[in-house]
């Protein structure tokens, strides 16, 4: 599963990818070419449960090899969303301080809603703990 989420207010986009690295590489090859896609994907270890990348050109990628299906997966997703929010706001010149924490909170809320809407999960029956 792959989707581009636009963060219009900060003029940024983030590619959110759940699935195998080879599928991510195929998507990135269409954008950057095969060689650069290989370089990007090579920064992701096989052991990583999630990774957020800020590319030198400013594009961002949130990668998880598996869809979050439980508390552990959702907590990894939350961790990666924070990294994306941090990349976005630092690029906008907003560092995390007591005066800027609301900007971080609202962006994390926005990204969380957009990403959870992509997922085939329901909270009506409760989320199973790890």
N, C-alpha and C. Protein backbone atom coordinates (compact mmCIF):
# COMPACT_ATOMS: atom_id res chain seq x y z
N UNK A 1 0.85 -1.16 0.00
CA UNK A 1 0.00 0.00 0.00
C UNK A 1 0.90 1.23 0.00
N UNK A 2 0.61 2.14 -0.91
CA UNK A 2 1.44 3.32 -1.07
C UNK A 2 0.55 4.52 -1.36
N UNK A 3 0.82 5.62 -0.67
CA UNK A 3 0.03 6.82 -0.89
C UNK A 3 0.88 8.04 -0.61
N UNK A 4 0.66 9.08 -1.40
CA UNK A 4 1.30 10.37 -1.16
C UNK A 4 0.31 11.24 -0.39
N UNK A 5 0.76 11.76 0.74
CA UNK A 5 -0.06 12.67 1.54
C UNK A 5 0.53 14.07 1.39
N UNK A 6 -0.30 15.00 0.98
CA UNK A 6 0.13 16.39 0.84
C UNK A 6 -0.05 17.12 2.17
N UNK A 7 0.98 17.80 2.57
CA UNK A 7 0.93 18.66 3.75
C UNK A 7 0.97 20.09 3.21
N UNK A 8 -0.17 20.51 2.70
CA UNK A 8 -0.26 21.76 1.94
C UNK A 8 0.26 22.98 2.69
N UNK A 9 -0.07 23.10 3.95
CA UNK A 9 0.30 24.30 4.69
C UNK A 9 1.82 24.49 4.76
N UNK A 10 2.58 23.40 4.68
CA UNK A 10 4.04 23.48 4.71
C UNK A 10 4.65 23.16 3.35
N UNK A 11 3.81 23.07 2.32
CA UNK A 11 4.26 22.81 0.95
C UNK A 11 5.18 21.59 0.88
N UNK A 12 4.74 20.51 1.49
CA UNK A 12 5.50 19.26 1.54
C UNK A 12 4.56 18.09 1.26
N UNK A 13 5.16 17.01 0.80
CA UNK A 13 4.44 15.76 0.62
C UNK A 13 5.23 14.67 1.34
N UNK A 14 4.52 13.64 1.76
CA UNK A 14 5.18 12.46 2.33
C UNK A 14 4.62 11.23 1.64
N UNK A 15 5.52 10.36 1.21
CA UNK A 15 5.11 9.07 0.67
C UNK A 15 5.00 8.11 1.84
N UNK A 16 3.83 7.53 2.01
CA UNK A 16 3.61 6.54 3.07
C UNK A 16 3.55 5.18 2.38
N UNK A 17 4.41 4.28 2.79
CA UNK A 17 4.48 2.97 2.14
C UNK A 17 4.44 1.86 3.19
N UNK A 18 3.46 0.99 3.05
CA UNK A 18 3.37 -0.23 3.86
C UNK A 18 3.57 -1.39 2.90
N UNK A 19 4.60 -2.18 3.12
CA UNK A 19 4.82 -3.33 2.25
C UNK A 19 6.30 -3.60 2.05
N UNK A 20 6.56 -4.51 1.15
CA UNK A 20 7.93 -4.96 0.90
C UNK A 20 8.80 -3.85 0.33
N UNK A 21 10.10 -3.96 0.63
CA UNK A 21 11.05 -2.98 0.12
C UNK A 21 11.11 -3.00 -1.40
N UNK A 22 10.94 -4.17 -2.00
CA UNK A 22 11.01 -4.24 -3.47
C UNK A 22 9.85 -3.46 -4.11
N UNK A 23 8.70 -3.43 -3.45
CA UNK A 23 7.57 -2.62 -3.95
C UNK A 23 7.86 -1.14 -3.79
N UNK A 24 8.47 -0.77 -2.66
CA UNK A 24 8.87 0.62 -2.45
C UNK A 24 9.88 1.03 -3.52
N UNK A 25 10.84 0.16 -3.79
CA UNK A 25 11.85 0.46 -4.81
C UNK A 25 11.20 0.68 -6.17
N UNK A 26 10.22 -0.14 -6.51
CA UNK A 26 9.52 0.01 -7.80
C UNK A 26 8.82 1.36 -7.89
N UNK A 27 8.16 1.77 -6.79
CA UNK A 27 7.49 3.08 -6.77
C UNK A 27 8.51 4.20 -6.90
N UNK A 28 9.59 4.10 -6.14
CA UNK A 28 10.61 5.15 -6.16
C UNK A 28 11.33 5.22 -7.51
N UNK A 29 11.47 4.08 -8.18
CA UNK A 29 12.12 4.05 -9.50
C UNK A 29 11.36 4.90 -10.50
N UNK A 30 10.04 4.92 -10.39
CA UNK A 30 9.23 5.73 -11.30
C UNK A 30 9.46 7.22 -11.08
N UNK A 31 9.83 7.59 -9.86
CA UNK A 31 10.03 9.00 -9.51
C UNK A 31 11.48 9.42 -9.72
N UNK A 32 12.41 8.60 -9.23
CA UNK A 32 13.82 8.99 -9.19
C UNK A 32 14.72 8.24 -10.16
N UNK A 33 14.24 7.16 -10.73
CA UNK A 33 15.09 6.28 -11.52
C UNK A 33 15.60 5.14 -10.66
N UNK A 34 16.01 4.09 -11.32
CA UNK A 34 16.38 2.85 -10.64
C UNK A 34 17.57 2.99 -9.70
N UNK A 35 18.59 3.70 -10.16
CA UNK A 35 19.81 3.81 -9.34
C UNK A 35 19.55 4.55 -8.04
N UNK A 36 18.89 5.70 -8.12
CA UNK A 36 18.61 6.47 -6.91
C UNK A 36 17.63 5.73 -6.00
N UNK A 37 16.65 5.05 -6.60
CA UNK A 37 15.71 4.26 -5.81
C UNK A 37 16.45 3.17 -5.03
N UNK A 38 17.40 2.53 -5.68
CA UNK A 38 18.20 1.49 -5.00
C UNK A 38 18.98 2.07 -3.82
N UNK A 39 19.55 3.26 -4.02
CA UNK A 39 20.29 3.93 -2.94
C UNK A 39 19.38 4.23 -1.76
N UNK A 40 18.20 4.74 -2.05
CA UNK A 40 17.26 5.10 -0.98
C UNK A 40 16.85 3.86 -0.20
N UNK A 41 16.45 2.83 -0.90
CA UNK A 41 15.96 1.60 -0.25
C UNK A 41 17.08 0.91 0.51
N UNK A 42 18.33 1.06 0.06
CA UNK A 42 19.45 0.41 0.75
C UNK A 42 19.69 0.97 2.14
N UNK A 43 19.12 2.14 2.45
CA UNK A 43 19.28 2.72 3.79
C UNK A 43 18.33 2.09 4.81
N UNK A 44 17.43 1.22 4.33
CA UNK A 44 16.46 0.58 5.22
C UNK A 44 16.93 -0.84 5.51
N UNK A 45 17.21 -1.10 6.76
CA UNK A 45 17.65 -2.42 7.20
C UNK A 45 16.48 -3.41 7.16
N UNK A 46 16.80 -4.66 6.92
CA UNK A 46 15.77 -5.72 6.90
C UNK A 46 15.12 -5.89 8.28
N UNK A 47 15.82 -5.50 9.34
CA UNK A 47 15.32 -5.68 10.70
C UNK A 47 14.39 -4.55 11.14
N UNK A 48 14.39 -3.44 10.41
CA UNK A 48 13.61 -2.27 10.84
C UNK A 48 12.12 -2.52 10.69
N UNK A 49 11.40 -2.15 11.72
CA UNK A 49 9.94 -2.28 11.71
C UNK A 49 9.29 -1.01 11.17
N UNK A 50 10.09 0.04 11.03
CA UNK A 50 9.63 1.30 10.48
C UNK A 50 10.80 2.22 10.26
N UNK A 51 10.66 3.12 9.30
CA UNK A 51 11.75 4.05 9.01
C UNK A 51 11.16 5.28 8.35
N UNK A 52 11.61 6.44 8.78
CA UNK A 52 11.24 7.69 8.13
C UNK A 52 12.49 8.27 7.52
N UNK A 53 12.37 8.71 6.29
CA UNK A 53 13.51 9.23 5.56
C UNK A 53 13.24 10.65 5.11
N UNK A 54 14.24 11.49 5.25
CA UNK A 54 14.23 12.82 4.66
C UNK A 54 15.33 12.79 3.61
N UNK A 55 14.94 12.85 2.36
CA UNK A 55 15.90 12.78 1.27
C UNK A 55 16.59 14.14 1.10
N UNK A 56 17.80 14.14 0.54
CA UNK A 56 18.52 15.42 0.35
C UNK A 56 17.71 16.45 -0.45
N UNK A 57 16.84 15.97 -1.33
CA UNK A 57 16.02 16.86 -2.15
C UNK A 57 14.78 17.37 -1.40
N UNK A 58 14.57 16.90 -0.15
CA UNK A 58 13.47 17.39 0.67
C UNK A 58 12.26 16.48 0.73
N UNK A 59 12.19 15.47 -0.15
CA UNK A 59 11.06 14.55 -0.09
C UNK A 59 11.17 13.67 1.15
N UNK A 60 10.00 13.23 1.62
CA UNK A 60 9.95 12.41 2.83
C UNK A 60 9.26 11.09 2.53
N UNK A 61 9.72 10.05 3.21
CA UNK A 61 9.13 8.72 3.07
C UNK A 61 8.91 8.16 4.47
N UNK A 62 7.71 7.65 4.72
CA UNK A 62 7.42 6.89 5.94
C UNK A 62 7.22 5.46 5.46
N UNK A 63 8.09 4.57 5.91
CA UNK A 63 8.07 3.18 5.47
C UNK A 63 7.84 2.23 6.64
N UNK A 64 6.95 1.29 6.44
CA UNK A 64 6.79 0.17 7.36
C UNK A 64 6.58 -1.08 6.52
N UNK A 65 7.30 -2.16 6.83
CA UNK A 65 7.15 -3.37 6.02
C UNK A 65 5.78 -4.04 6.16
N UNK A 66 5.12 -3.78 7.27
CA UNK A 66 3.81 -4.40 7.53
C UNK A 66 2.79 -3.35 7.93
N UNK A 67 1.55 -3.61 7.59
CA UNK A 67 0.47 -2.75 8.07
C UNK A 67 0.39 -2.87 9.58
N UNK A 68 0.21 -1.77 10.29
CA UNK A 68 0.03 -1.87 11.74
C UNK A 68 -1.32 -2.53 12.04
N UNK A 69 -1.27 -3.62 12.80
CA UNK A 69 -2.49 -4.39 13.10
C UNK A 69 -2.76 -4.52 14.59
N UNK A 70 -1.83 -4.05 15.39
CA UNK A 70 -1.97 -4.19 16.84
C UNK A 70 -1.30 -2.99 17.52
N UNK A 71 -1.28 -3.03 18.82
CA UNK A 71 -0.71 -1.92 19.59
C UNK A 71 0.75 -1.68 19.22
N UNK A 72 1.52 -2.73 19.07
CA UNK A 72 2.94 -2.57 18.72
C UNK A 72 3.08 -1.88 17.37
N UNK A 73 2.33 -2.32 16.37
CA UNK A 73 2.39 -1.70 15.05
C UNK A 73 1.94 -0.26 15.06
N UNK A 74 0.88 0.03 15.81
CA UNK A 74 0.40 1.41 15.90
C UNK A 74 1.40 2.31 16.64
N UNK A 75 2.10 1.75 17.62
CA UNK A 75 3.09 2.55 18.34
C UNK A 75 4.30 2.84 17.44
N UNK A 76 4.68 1.90 16.59
CA UNK A 76 5.76 2.14 15.63
C UNK A 76 5.32 3.22 14.64
N UNK A 77 4.07 3.13 14.18
CA UNK A 77 3.54 4.15 13.27
C UNK A 77 3.58 5.53 13.92
N UNK A 78 3.17 5.63 15.18
CA UNK A 78 3.20 6.91 15.90
C UNK A 78 4.63 7.46 15.96
N UNK A 79 5.57 6.59 16.23
CA UNK A 79 6.99 6.96 16.28
C UNK A 79 7.44 7.56 14.95
N UNK A 80 7.08 6.88 13.85
CA UNK A 80 7.48 7.35 12.52
C UNK A 80 6.76 8.64 12.14
N UNK A 81 5.51 8.78 12.53
CA UNK A 81 4.78 10.03 12.25
C UNK A 81 5.47 11.20 12.94
N UNK A 82 5.95 11.00 14.16
CA UNK A 82 6.68 12.07 14.83
C UNK A 82 7.89 12.50 14.01
N UNK A 83 8.65 11.53 13.48
CA UNK A 83 9.82 11.88 12.67
C UNK A 83 9.42 12.71 11.45
N UNK A 84 8.34 12.33 10.79
CA UNK A 84 7.88 13.07 9.61
C UNK A 84 7.47 14.49 10.01
N UNK A 85 6.76 14.62 11.12
CA UNK A 85 6.37 15.95 11.59
C UNK A 85 7.62 16.78 11.91
N UNK A 86 8.58 16.17 12.53
CA UNK A 86 9.82 16.86 12.87
C UNK A 86 10.56 17.31 11.60
N UNK A 87 10.70 16.42 10.61
CA UNK A 87 11.34 16.79 9.35
C UNK A 87 10.62 17.99 8.72
N UNK A 88 9.30 17.91 8.68
CA UNK A 88 8.48 18.94 8.04
C UNK A 88 8.66 20.29 8.71
N UNK A 89 8.54 20.29 10.02
CA UNK A 89 8.58 21.56 10.73
C UNK A 89 9.99 22.14 10.81
N UNK A 90 10.99 21.30 10.92
CA UNK A 90 12.37 21.81 10.91
C UNK A 90 12.68 22.44 9.55
N UNK A 91 12.20 21.83 8.46
CA UNK A 91 12.40 22.42 7.12
C UNK A 91 11.69 23.77 7.02
N UNK A 92 10.62 23.95 7.78
CA UNK A 92 9.89 25.22 7.80
C UNK A 92 10.50 26.20 8.79
N UNK A 93 11.58 25.80 9.46
CA UNK A 93 12.24 26.68 10.42
C UNK A 93 11.61 26.70 11.79
N UNK A 94 10.82 25.65 12.10
CA UNK A 94 10.13 25.58 13.39
C UNK A 94 10.71 24.42 14.18
N UNK A 95 11.53 24.74 15.18
CA UNK A 95 12.08 23.70 16.04
C UNK A 95 11.14 23.47 17.22
N UNK A 96 11.18 22.28 17.78
CA UNK A 96 10.30 21.92 18.88
C UNK A 96 10.70 22.66 20.15
N UNK A 97 9.81 23.52 20.62
CA UNK A 97 9.98 24.26 21.87
C UNK A 97 8.61 24.34 22.53
N UNK A 98 8.57 24.90 23.71
CA UNK A 98 7.28 25.11 24.37
C UNK A 98 6.37 26.01 23.55
N UNK A 99 6.95 26.93 22.79
CA UNK A 99 6.15 27.84 21.97
C UNK A 99 5.65 27.22 20.67
N UNK A 100 6.29 26.14 20.23
CA UNK A 100 5.91 25.53 18.95
C UNK A 100 5.25 24.17 19.09
N UNK A 101 5.06 23.70 20.31
CA UNK A 101 4.55 22.33 20.48
C UNK A 101 3.16 22.13 19.88
N UNK A 102 2.34 23.19 19.82
CA UNK A 102 1.00 23.04 19.21
C UNK A 102 1.12 22.77 17.71
N UNK A 103 2.07 23.40 17.04
CA UNK A 103 2.27 23.15 15.61
C UNK A 103 2.62 21.69 15.40
N UNK A 104 3.49 21.15 16.25
CA UNK A 104 3.86 19.74 16.17
C UNK A 104 2.64 18.86 16.44
N UNK A 105 1.89 19.20 17.47
CA UNK A 105 0.72 18.39 17.84
C UNK A 105 -0.32 18.37 16.73
N UNK A 106 -0.61 19.53 16.15
CA UNK A 106 -1.61 19.57 15.07
C UNK A 106 -1.14 18.82 13.84
N UNK A 107 0.14 18.91 13.51
CA UNK A 107 0.65 18.18 12.35
C UNK A 107 0.63 16.67 12.60
N UNK A 108 0.99 16.25 13.79
CA UNK A 108 0.92 14.83 14.13
C UNK A 108 -0.53 14.34 14.06
N UNK A 109 -1.46 15.13 14.56
CA UNK A 109 -2.88 14.77 14.48
C UNK A 109 -3.32 14.64 13.01
N UNK A 110 -2.95 15.60 12.18
CA UNK A 110 -3.30 15.59 10.76
C UNK A 110 -2.76 14.34 10.08
N UNK A 111 -1.46 14.07 10.27
CA UNK A 111 -0.84 12.90 9.64
C UNK A 111 -1.45 11.60 10.14
N UNK A 112 -1.71 11.53 11.43
CA UNK A 112 -2.30 10.31 12.01
C UNK A 112 -3.66 10.03 11.39
N UNK A 113 -4.51 11.05 11.27
CA UNK A 113 -5.83 10.86 10.66
C UNK A 113 -5.71 10.40 9.21
N UNK A 114 -4.83 11.04 8.45
CA UNK A 114 -4.67 10.68 7.04
C UNK A 114 -4.17 9.25 6.87
N UNK A 115 -3.21 8.87 7.70
CA UNK A 115 -2.63 7.53 7.56
C UNK A 115 -3.58 6.47 8.08
N UNK A 116 -4.22 6.70 9.22
CA UNK A 116 -5.16 5.70 9.74
C UNK A 116 -6.33 5.49 8.78
N UNK A 117 -6.72 6.54 8.06
CA UNK A 117 -7.80 6.41 7.08
C UNK A 117 -7.42 5.48 5.94
N UNK A 118 -6.13 5.30 5.71
CA UNK A 118 -5.65 4.39 4.66
C UNK A 118 -5.77 2.93 5.08
N UNK A 119 -5.78 2.68 6.36
CA UNK A 119 -5.63 1.32 6.87
C UNK A 119 -6.96 0.58 7.01
N UNK A 120 -6.94 -0.71 6.75
CA UNK A 120 -8.16 -1.52 6.90
C UNK A 120 -8.36 -1.98 8.34
N UNK A 121 -8.47 -1.01 9.25
CA UNK A 121 -8.66 -1.35 10.66
C UNK A 121 -9.89 -0.61 11.18
N UNK A 122 -10.45 -1.17 12.23
CA UNK A 122 -11.60 -0.55 12.87
C UNK A 122 -11.35 -0.53 14.36
N UNK A 123 -11.71 0.57 14.97
CA UNK A 123 -11.55 0.67 16.42
C UNK A 123 -12.82 0.34 17.16
N UNK A 124 -13.86 -0.02 16.44
CA UNK A 124 -15.13 -0.30 17.10
C UNK A 124 -15.05 -1.55 17.99
N UNK A 125 -14.24 -2.50 17.61
CA UNK A 125 -14.09 -3.71 18.39
C UNK A 125 -12.91 -3.66 19.33
N UNK A 126 -12.23 -2.53 19.36
CA UNK A 126 -11.06 -2.41 20.23
C UNK A 126 -9.82 -2.89 19.50
N UNK A 127 -8.69 -2.41 19.94
CA UNK A 127 -7.40 -2.80 19.39
C UNK A 127 -6.79 -3.81 20.34
N UNK A 128 -6.30 -4.90 19.79
CA UNK A 128 -5.69 -5.93 20.60
C UNK A 128 -4.33 -5.48 21.09
N UNK A 129 -4.02 -5.75 22.33
CA UNK A 129 -2.71 -5.38 22.84
C UNK A 129 -1.67 -6.43 22.42
N UNK A 130 -0.41 -6.03 22.46
CA UNK A 130 0.68 -6.90 22.00
C UNK A 130 0.88 -8.06 22.94
